[in-house]
């Protein structure tokens, strides 16, 4: 058959009228939404070593240990410095929630900052896992169903460290207190244990926070009070500076120093020559057992100059338990409802290398074991960061304020 120009045109026209076959489509694979964790803490001020970048590193270690990619999860960790300013922290959190899709806030030292964020997280129905703030109000008068208090609080510190000092004969106290929510609550909680044991408080000096570096006038007031014990209701760089200056004044020869919130990072900053003999409470010590040593061995190459303390360990533990919960619920469901995610976290037992097993109570209090330590003499330390002797252990269900005494509004009587 001879193909003429006319027949070729007819063939092309006919082909144009025929239906076009649809291309072969492969079934679409469901995409898991990205889970975003926002580590919000002090990275430049008095709490930079007790939290700071080491908290971020520990949170990322949880992602690595859990194996998020192998479990089909996409997880990002972002971070910011709140500079211990509640208004700045609220602004950052709103931006993270509204623009950046953050699902969970982590760490957040400075009690005034944590308290300010409670309403924002609840309004946006996100998740707030706190390892760095101390005020016991966070699971009491300021409790939230979106919140878990992970590592320690002022009640636990007052009971463990304060109680031990009173039992040892320290029955008259003078407080030097950071003038914001944390310091005031720590002084109040510790005062309750002092009075319950028959002791008394002879006075207190509250100093401006943040920004105070010279504590000499407050130390003179404490010394002139005649009290046996100087209770330091502060933390981080303030605690380090307070103890250094008390040592320079020779105050530690006439008064017992009670550092009510002190971390191993503070002991390291002071050195054993100054810190030896101090009692302190932490819920984590890197050399406590095989599991804590294994965790420290994994994280230490990423933060060799700052061994993890209980706040850092709390960031790891909280992140790991959150990831387990997200994996069980599914990322899409976890992102929908912060309260539902926290409720699922409460229903699941907590177990990790930092704290062993624990349980999250109805009011959001994670019931970790607390340990009272004494700082070693220089001659007793056999290795870097070998600083603690264990004095007493308090199980989690005894270490924290009884549930009924907190009067958390959403907990049913």
Protein backbone atom coordinates (compact mmCIF):
# COMPACT_ATOMS: atom_id res chain seq x y z
CA UNK A 1 0.00 0.00 0.00
CA UNK A 2 1.38 3.36 -1.04
CA UNK A 3 1.25 6.02 1.73
CA UNK A 4 0.15 9.27 0.13
CA UNK A 5 0.24 12.66 1.84
CA UNK A 6 -3.60 12.67 2.00
CA UNK A 7 -3.78 9.22 3.71
CA UNK A 8 -1.10 10.22 6.22
CA UNK A 9 -3.13 13.25 7.24
CA UNK A 10 -6.30 11.11 7.63
CA UNK A 11 -4.37 8.67 9.86
CA UNK A 12 -3.03 11.46 12.07
CA UNK A 13 -6.48 12.99 12.44
CA UNK A 14 -8.00 9.65 13.43
CA UNK A 15 -5.28 9.08 16.04
CA UNK A 16 -6.00 12.45 17.60
CA UNK A 17 -9.60 11.41 18.26
CA UNK A 18 -8.68 8.18 20.06
CA UNK A 19 -8.53 8.17 23.92
CA UNK A 20 -5.02 8.40 25.38
CA UNK A 21 -4.02 5.53 27.64
CA UNK A 22 -3.35 6.61 31.20
CA UNK A 23 0.24 6.15 32.39
CA UNK A 24 0.91 3.33 34.82
CA UNK A 25 0.82 4.68 38.39
CA UNK A 26 2.64 3.12 41.33
CA UNK A 27 0.73 3.08 44.60
CA UNK A 28 1.72 6.09 46.76
CA UNK A 29 3.62 5.36 49.97
CA UNK A 30 2.21 7.11 53.04
CA UNK A 31 4.58 9.81 54.26
CA UNK A 32 5.12 10.08 58.01
CA UNK A 33 4.86 13.70 59.17
CA UNK A 34 7.91 15.28 60.78
CA UNK A 35 7.99 15.36 64.59
CA UNK A 36 9.73 18.49 65.83
CA UNK A 37 11.29 18.84 69.27
CA UNK A 38 12.25 22.29 70.55
CA UNK A 39 14.94 22.43 73.27
CA UNK A 40 14.46 25.79 74.97
CA UNK A 41 16.98 26.69 77.67
CA UNK A 42 19.71 28.99 78.95
CA UNK A 43 22.75 28.79 76.67
CA UNK A 44 24.61 31.92 77.74
CA UNK A 45 23.72 32.68 81.39
CA UNK A 46 24.03 31.11 84.85
CA UNK A 47 22.39 27.82 83.78
CA UNK A 48 24.40 27.29 80.57
CA UNK A 49 26.41 24.39 82.03
CA UNK A 50 23.57 22.77 83.96
CA UNK A 51 21.45 22.69 80.79
CA UNK A 52 22.58 24.46 77.66
CA UNK A 53 23.98 22.66 74.64
CA UNK A 54 24.57 19.44 76.62
CA UNK A 55 20.77 19.11 76.96
CA UNK A 56 20.49 19.35 73.16
CA UNK A 57 23.19 16.70 72.72
CA UNK A 58 21.40 14.35 75.14
CA UNK A 59 18.08 14.81 73.34
CA UNK A 60 19.75 13.93 70.04
CA UNK A 61 21.35 10.91 71.69
CA UNK A 62 17.84 9.64 72.41
CA UNK A 63 17.01 9.85 68.70
CA UNK A 64 20.14 7.87 67.89
CA UNK A 65 19.55 5.23 70.55
CA UNK A 66 15.90 4.78 69.59
CA UNK A 67 16.75 4.46 65.90
CA UNK A 68 14.09 6.82 64.56
CA UNK A 69 14.89 6.26 60.87
CA UNK A 70 14.70 2.47 61.17
CA UNK A 71 11.29 2.86 62.83
CA UNK A 72 9.98 5.06 60.01
CA UNK A 73 9.96 8.28 62.04
CA UNK A 74 11.19 11.67 60.88
CA UNK A 75 12.32 13.72 63.88
CA UNK A 76 14.04 17.11 64.02
CA UNK A 77 15.54 18.86 67.05
CA UNK A 78 15.77 22.65 67.09
CA UNK A 79 17.01 24.87 69.90
CA UNK A 80 17.02 28.43 71.22
CA UNK A 81 18.36 30.44 74.16
CA UNK A 82 15.56 31.92 76.30
CA UNK A 83 18.07 33.98 78.33
CA UNK A 84 15.99 33.32 81.47
CA UNK A 85 13.37 35.81 80.23
CA UNK A 86 9.73 34.62 80.36
CA UNK A 87 8.54 37.08 77.69
CA UNK A 88 11.28 36.00 75.27
CA UNK A 89 10.54 32.33 75.91
CA UNK A 90 6.82 32.82 75.24
CA UNK A 91 7.63 34.64 71.97
CA UNK A 92 9.95 31.84 70.83
CA UNK A 93 7.43 29.13 71.74
CA UNK A 94 4.59 30.83 69.86
CA UNK A 95 6.77 31.15 66.77
CA UNK A 96 7.82 27.52 67.05
CA UNK A 97 4.22 26.34 67.37
CA UNK A 98 2.62 28.65 64.80
CA UNK A 99 5.30 28.84 62.11
CA UNK A 100 7.78 26.03 62.62
CA UNK A 101 5.49 23.13 63.53
CA UNK A 102 7.13 22.23 66.83
CA UNK A 103 5.29 19.46 68.68
CA UNK A 104 7.17 19.19 71.98
CA UNK A 105 9.04 21.62 74.25
CA UNK A 106 11.96 20.16 76.18
CA UNK A 107 14.18 21.13 79.13
CA UNK A 108 13.21 24.79 79.97
CA UNK A 109 15.13 25.66 83.13
CA UNK A 110 14.16 28.76 85.13
CA UNK A 111 10.85 28.27 86.93
CA UNK A 112 9.42 31.66 85.96
CA UNK A 113 9.94 30.74 82.30
CA UNK A 114 8.39 27.29 82.72
CA UNK A 115 5.35 28.73 84.48
CA UNK A 116 4.87 31.32 81.72
CA UNK A 117 4.95 28.59 79.06
CA UNK A 118 2.32 26.38 80.69
CA UNK A 119 -0.62 28.38 79.32
CA UNK A 120 0.91 28.71 75.83
CA UNK A 121 1.50 24.96 75.51
CA UNK A 122 -2.01 24.24 76.77
CA UNK A 123 -3.56 26.80 74.40
CA UNK A 124 -1.78 25.20 71.42
CA UNK A 125 -2.37 21.66 72.74
CA UNK A 126 1.29 20.65 72.44
CA UNK A 127 3.56 18.61 74.73
CA UNK A 128 5.83 20.13 77.41
CA UNK A 129 8.46 17.86 79.01
CA UNK A 130 10.42 19.79 81.61
CA UNK A 131 13.77 18.66 82.96
CA UNK A 132 15.37 21.93 84.02
CA UNK A 133 12.87 23.94 86.10
CA UNK A 134 12.37 23.14 89.76
CA UNK A 135 9.24 24.73 91.23
CA UNK A 136 6.81 22.16 92.58
CA UNK A 137 3.95 24.47 91.50
CA UNK A 138 4.30 23.00 88.00
CA UNK A 139 2.45 19.87 89.17
CA UNK A 140 0.42 21.73 91.80
CA UNK A 141 -1.32 25.08 91.45
CA UNK A 142 0.07 25.56 87.90
CA UNK A 143 -0.39 21.99 86.66
CA UNK A 144 -1.37 21.20 83.07
CA UNK A 145 -2.54 18.02 81.30
CA UNK A 146 0.00 18.83 78.54
CA UNK A 147 2.94 18.76 80.96
CA UNK A 148 5.35 16.28 82.56
CA UNK A 149 7.88 17.29 85.22
CA UNK A 150 10.67 14.83 84.61
CA UNK A 151 13.68 15.01 86.90
CA UNK A 152 13.40 16.86 90.24
CA UNK A 153 11.51 19.63 92.00
CA UNK A 154 11.76 21.89 95.04
CA UNK A 155 9.79 19.53 97.29
CA UNK A 156 12.14 16.62 96.54
CA UNK A 157 15.22 18.80 97.04
CA UNK A 158 13.96 20.26 100.30
CA UNK A 159 13.06 16.85 101.66
CA UNK A 160 16.31 15.13 100.67
CA UNK A 161 19.06 17.72 101.15
CA UNK A 162 17.28 19.94 103.68
CA UNK A 163 16.00 17.01 105.68
CA UNK A 164 19.47 15.44 105.86
CA UNK A 165 21.08 18.65 107.14
CA UNK A 166 18.42 19.04 109.88
CA UNK A 167 18.91 15.43 110.98
CA UNK A 168 22.65 16.09 111.23
CA UNK A 169 22.02 18.88 113.75
CA UNK A 170 21.46 21.87 111.46
CA UNK A 171 18.31 23.07 113.21
CA UNK A 172 18.65 26.84 112.63
CA UNK A 173 18.77 28.26 109.11
CA UNK A 174 19.31 31.45 107.16
CA UNK A 175 18.46 31.47 103.45
CA UNK A 176 20.14 33.22 100.55
CA UNK A 177 17.51 33.06 97.85
CA UNK A 178 17.27 33.89 94.16
CA UNK A 179 14.38 36.34 93.91
CA UNK A 180 12.05 34.55 91.51
CA UNK A 181 9.61 31.64 91.50
CA UNK A 182 12.21 28.86 91.87
CA UNK A 183 14.14 30.37 94.77
CA UNK A 184 11.02 31.35 96.68
CA UNK A 185 9.44 27.91 96.24
CA UNK A 186 12.65 26.10 97.21
CA UNK A 187 12.92 28.21 100.37
CA UNK A 188 9.24 27.58 101.19
CA UNK A 189 9.41 23.82 100.64
CA UNK A 190 12.63 23.45 102.62
CA UNK A 191 11.24 25.61 105.44
CA UNK A 192 8.35 23.18 105.78
CA UNK A 193 10.74 20.27 106.39
CA UNK A 194 12.89 22.32 108.80
CA UNK A 195 9.90 23.27 110.95
CA UNK A 196 8.41 19.78 110.81
CA UNK A 197 11.69 18.50 112.27
CA UNK A 198 11.67 21.04 115.10
CA UNK A 199 14.09 23.48 113.48
CA UNK A 200 13.65 27.18 112.80
CA UNK A 201 14.44 29.77 110.14
CA UNK A 202 16.14 32.92 111.48
CA UNK A 203 15.94 34.98 108.30
CA UNK A 204 16.48 35.23 104.56
CA UNK A 205 18.07 37.52 102.00
CA UNK A 206 16.62 37.58 98.49
CA UNK A 207 18.92 38.79 95.74
CA UNK A 208 18.04 39.97 92.21
CA UNK A 209 18.02 37.26 89.52
CA UNK A 210 19.57 37.16 87.02
CA UNK A 211 22.56 39.48 87.17
CA UNK A 212 23.89 39.20 90.73
CA UNK A 213 27.55 38.16 90.91
CA UNK A 214 28.69 39.75 94.19
CA UNK A 215 27.11 37.97 97.16
CA UNK A 216 29.30 39.51 99.86
CA UNK A 217 26.61 41.68 101.51
CA UNK A 218 24.19 38.74 101.66
CA UNK A 219 26.86 36.49 103.16
CA UNK A 220 27.60 39.07 105.88
CA UNK A 221 23.89 39.16 106.75
CA UNK A 222 23.84 35.37 106.98
CA UNK A 223 26.88 35.23 109.22
CA UNK A 224 25.49 37.84 111.58
CA UNK A 225 22.20 35.91 111.95
CA UNK A 226 23.74 33.31 114.24
CA UNK A 227 22.19 30.46 112.24
CA UNK A 228 23.98 27.13 112.01
CA UNK A 229 23.10 26.60 108.35
CA UNK A 230 23.19 28.80 105.26
CA UNK A 231 20.61 27.45 102.83
CA UNK A 232 21.43 28.34 99.22
CA UNK A 233 18.11 28.53 97.39
CA UNK A 234 19.71 29.09 94.01
CA UNK A 235 21.34 27.08 91.23
CA UNK A 236 23.97 26.95 88.52
CA UNK A 237 26.48 29.78 88.33
CA UNK A 238 24.85 31.51 91.31
CA UNK A 239 25.47 28.48 93.52
CA UNK A 240 29.07 28.21 92.36
CA UNK A 241 29.74 31.90 93.03
CA UNK A 242 27.96 31.78 96.42
CA UNK A 243 30.07 28.87 97.64
CA UNK A 244 33.32 30.33 96.30
CA UNK A 245 32.68 33.65 98.04
CA UNK A 246 31.54 31.95 101.27
CA UNK A 247 34.81 30.02 101.22
CA UNK A 248 36.81 33.23 100.68
CA UNK A 249 35.03 34.88 103.64
CA UNK A 250 35.68 31.84 105.82
CA UNK A 251 31.94 31.57 106.41
CA UNK A 252 32.01 27.82 105.84
CA UNK A 253 34.02 27.52 109.10
CA UNK A 254 31.19 28.97 111.19
CA UNK A 255 28.13 27.79 109.21
CA UNK A 256 27.15 24.64 107.38
CA UNK A 257 26.52 25.33 103.69
CA UNK A 258 23.43 23.60 102.30
CA UNK A 259 23.36 23.80 98.51
CA UNK A 260 19.73 22.87 97.95
CA UNK A 261 20.05 22.51 94.17
CA UNK A 262 23.51 21.56 93.01
CA UNK A 263 24.70 19.56 90.02
CA UNK A 264 27.86 17.61 89.32
CA UNK A 265 28.74 20.33 86.80
CA UNK A 266 28.76 22.82 89.71
CA UNK A 267 31.03 20.55 91.76
CA UNK A 268 33.41 20.38 88.81
CA UNK A 269 33.41 24.17 88.50
CA UNK A 270 34.22 24.53 92.21
CA UNK A 271 36.78 21.74 92.48
CA UNK A 272 36.94 19.22 95.30
CA UNK A 273 39.20 21.46 97.38
CA UNK A 274 36.22 23.79 97.85
CA UNK A 275 33.20 21.50 97.37
CA UNK A 276 34.25 18.49 99.48
CA UNK A 277 31.85 17.60 102.28
CA UNK A 278 28.83 19.27 100.70
CA UNK A 279 25.57 17.31 100.59
CA UNK A 280 23.45 17.51 97.47
CA UNK A 281 20.62 15.65 95.78
CA UNK A 282 20.50 14.40 92.20
CA UNK A 283 18.34 11.77 90.56
CA UNK A 284 21.17 10.73 88.22
CA UNK A 285 24.90 10.13 88.66
CA UNK A 286 26.99 9.00 85.74
CA UNK A 287 28.86 6.40 87.85
CA UNK A 288 25.82 4.99 89.66
CA UNK A 289 25.59 1.65 87.82
CA UNK A 290 26.33 -0.15 84.55
CA UNK A 291 23.43 1.51 82.72
CA UNK A 292 24.35 5.07 83.73
CA UNK A 293 27.96 4.41 82.76
CA UNK A 294 26.88 3.00 79.38
CA UNK A 295 24.77 6.11 78.68
CA UNK A 296 27.64 8.40 79.67
CA UNK A 297 30.07 6.46 77.46
CA UNK A 298 27.78 7.03 74.45
CA UNK A 299 27.21 10.74 75.03
CA UNK A 300 30.59 11.83 76.40
CA UNK A 301 32.48 11.99 73.08
CA UNK A 302 30.01 14.69 72.00
CA UNK A 303 30.38 16.71 75.22
CA UNK A 304 33.78 15.77 76.72
CA UNK A 305 34.13 18.82 78.98
CA UNK A 306 30.67 18.61 80.54
CA UNK A 307 29.66 15.27 82.03
CA UNK A 308 25.87 14.83 82.08
CA UNK A 309 23.99 15.81 85.23
CA UNK A 310 20.42 14.95 86.21
CA UNK A 311 18.94 17.73 84.06
CA UNK A 312 20.81 16.52 80.97
CA UNK A 313 19.84 12.93 81.73
CA UNK A 314 16.23 14.06 82.04
CA UNK A 315 16.33 15.49 78.52
CA UNK A 316 17.53 12.13 77.22
CA UNK A 317 15.00 10.12 79.21
CA UNK A 318 12.03 12.36 78.39
CA UNK A 319 12.86 12.41 74.68
CA UNK A 320 13.28 8.64 74.55
CA UNK A 321 9.94 8.01 76.27
CA UNK A 322 8.24 10.55 73.99
CA UNK A 323 9.64 8.79 70.91
CA UNK A 324 8.40 5.42 72.19
CA UNK A 325 4.96 6.96 72.62
CA UNK A 326 4.96 8.55 69.16
CA UNK A 327 6.01 5.25 67.60
CA UNK A 328 3.13 3.47 69.36
CA UNK A 329 0.52 6.12 68.49
CA UNK A 330 1.79 7.00 65.03
CA UNK A 331 3.32 10.38 64.26
CA UNK A 332 0.17 11.82 62.71
CA UNK A 333 -1.95 10.98 65.77
CA UNK A 334 0.71 12.26 68.19
CA UNK A 335 0.87 15.59 66.35
CA UNK A 336 -2.91 16.06 66.54
CA UNK A 337 -3.37 16.14 70.30
CA UNK A 338 -0.82 17.00 72.98
CA UNK A 339 -3.06 15.92 75.86
CA UNK A 340 -3.68 12.52 74.26
CA UNK A 341 0.06 12.07 73.76
CA UNK A 342 0.85 12.94 77.38
CA UNK A 343 -1.90 10.60 78.58
CA UNK A 344 -0.35 7.79 76.55
CA UNK A 345 3.04 8.61 78.05
CA UNK A 346 1.52 8.33 81.52
CA UNK A 347 0.05 4.94 80.68
CA UNK A 348 3.41 3.54 79.54
CA UNK A 349 6.12 2.56 82.05
CA UNK A 350 9.31 4.61 81.78
CA UNK A 351 12.56 2.68 81.46
CA UNK A 352 15.96 3.92 80.29
CA UNK A 353 19.65 3.82 81.12
CA UNK A 354 19.63 7.09 83.07
CA UNK A 355 16.91 6.48 85.66
CA UNK A 356 15.97 2.83 85.29
CA UNK A 357 12.23 2.37 85.75
CA UNK A 358 9.80 5.06 86.86
CA UNK A 359 6.16 6.06 86.49
CA UNK A 360 4.49 9.31 85.46
CA UNK A 361 1.77 10.19 87.96
CA UNK A 362 -1.62 11.68 87.05
CA UNK A 363 -0.49 15.23 87.80
CA UNK A 364 2.50 14.91 85.45
CA UNK A 365 5.13 14.16 88.10
CA UNK A 366 7.67 11.56 86.92
CA UNK A 367 8.49 9.57 90.06
CA UNK A 368 12.23 9.07 89.72
CA UNK A 369 14.39 7.85 92.60
CA UNK A 370 16.35 10.58 94.40
CA UNK A 371 19.86 10.16 95.80
CA UNK A 372 21.53 12.14 98.56
CA UNK A 373 25.26 12.42 97.92
CA UNK A 374 28.26 13.77 99.78
CA UNK A 375 31.02 15.35 97.70
CA UNK A 376 34.30 13.43 98.09
CA UNK A 377 37.53 14.67 99.53
CA UNK A 378 40.23 15.22 96.86
CA UNK A 379 42.12 12.17 98.15
CA UNK A 380 39.04 9.97 97.67
CA UNK A 381 38.56 10.77 93.99
CA UNK A 382 40.23 8.17 91.78
CA UNK A 383 39.26 9.34 88.28
CA UNK A 384 37.94 12.39 86.39
CA UNK A 385 34.50 13.44 87.66
CA UNK A 386 34.63 10.79 90.44
CA UNK A 387 32.97 13.15 92.90
CA UNK A 388 30.12 11.51 94.82
CA UNK A 389 29.59 9.19 97.76
CA UNK A 390 26.04 7.85 98.12
CA UNK A 391 24.50 8.73 101.50
CA UNK A 392 20.80 7.85 101.12
CA UNK A 393 18.27 6.68 98.53
CA UNK A 394 14.61 7.72 98.42
CA UNK A 395 12.19 5.82 96.12
CA UNK A 396 10.22 7.98 93.71
CA UNK A 397 6.86 7.40 95.38
CA UNK A 398 8.33 8.78 98.63
CA UNK A 399 10.61 11.50 97.25
CA UNK A 400 7.91 13.80 95.89
CA UNK A 401 4.91 15.60 97.35
CA UNK A 402 1.88 13.34 97.80
CA UNK A 403 -0.60 13.67 94.94
CA UNK A 404 -3.45 14.94 97.11
CA UNK A 405 -1.29 17.69 98.62
CA UNK A 406 -0.58 19.29 95.25
CA UNK A 407 -4.25 20.14 94.56
CA UNK A 408 -3.77 19.84 90.80
CA UNK A 409 -7.00 21.09 89.24
CA UNK A 410 -7.43 18.41 86.53
CA UNK A 411 -6.69 15.45 88.82
CA UNK A 412 -9.86 13.82 90.10
CA UNK A 413 -10.05 13.44 93.86
